[in-house]
Amino acid sequence: MKLLRLLPLLLCTACVTVNVYFPAEAAESAARVFTREVYGTEGNPPVRPAPSAPDAVEPETTPAPGASPRSSLDWLIAPAAAQTPNLDLSSPAIAALRAAMAARHPALAPHYASGAVGIGADGLLVLRDPAAVPLAARNEVNLLIGQENRQRAELYREIANANGHPEWEPQIRQIWAKQWVANAPGGTWFQQGGQWARK
């Protein structure tokens, strides 16, 4: 009998957890656009992620004969709709990072071309061949690499935070790492499976 009295209380305090999955497809599309804008890649028009469609409202229908009837609790706890989240890159901080990286790229481009600078497996820049940089310019190149790597790390953190999911940062970092390589200028060195290869 006590259990029956507690049932309404239990129903009112029940929690429904809705998992929001990492939007990998939207992240890949956003990373592609972002990296192309930083590199100034020509001939590959950026593809903007499509805005997510609003959740459709399911009309109330009478169950077909033999189908299980709707639960009497459906009016109290609505079924969770599957969500396809999008990735928002519209924050002022992300725009400032994009502009700073795009402004730095022309200074890095000759070092990509010479093979002095490469893209590591983690998507960060590496002084791959110090001998390809004159000794007098080596500090400047190291400074450019350091600035770029700090801003890439800041970018991933900012994207995750701007989308309300700081836990997404490792996945964002992984997707961006692939797109930095995929959209890099021809001749850029990159690390793959512990070995260096050239685009």
Foldseek 3Di string as FASTA:
>chain_A
DVVVVCVVVCLVPDDDDDDDDDQLVLLLLVLLQLLCLLQVDPPDDRDHDDDDDPDDDDDDDDDDPPDDDDDPCCVVPPDDDDDNDHFDQPDPLSVVLSVVSSVLNVVCVVCQQLQQWAQELQRAIDRRDLVSDPPVCSVVNVVSSVVNRVSLLVNLCCRCVVVVHSVCSVVSSNSSSVSNVVNHDFQGWYDDPNDIDGD
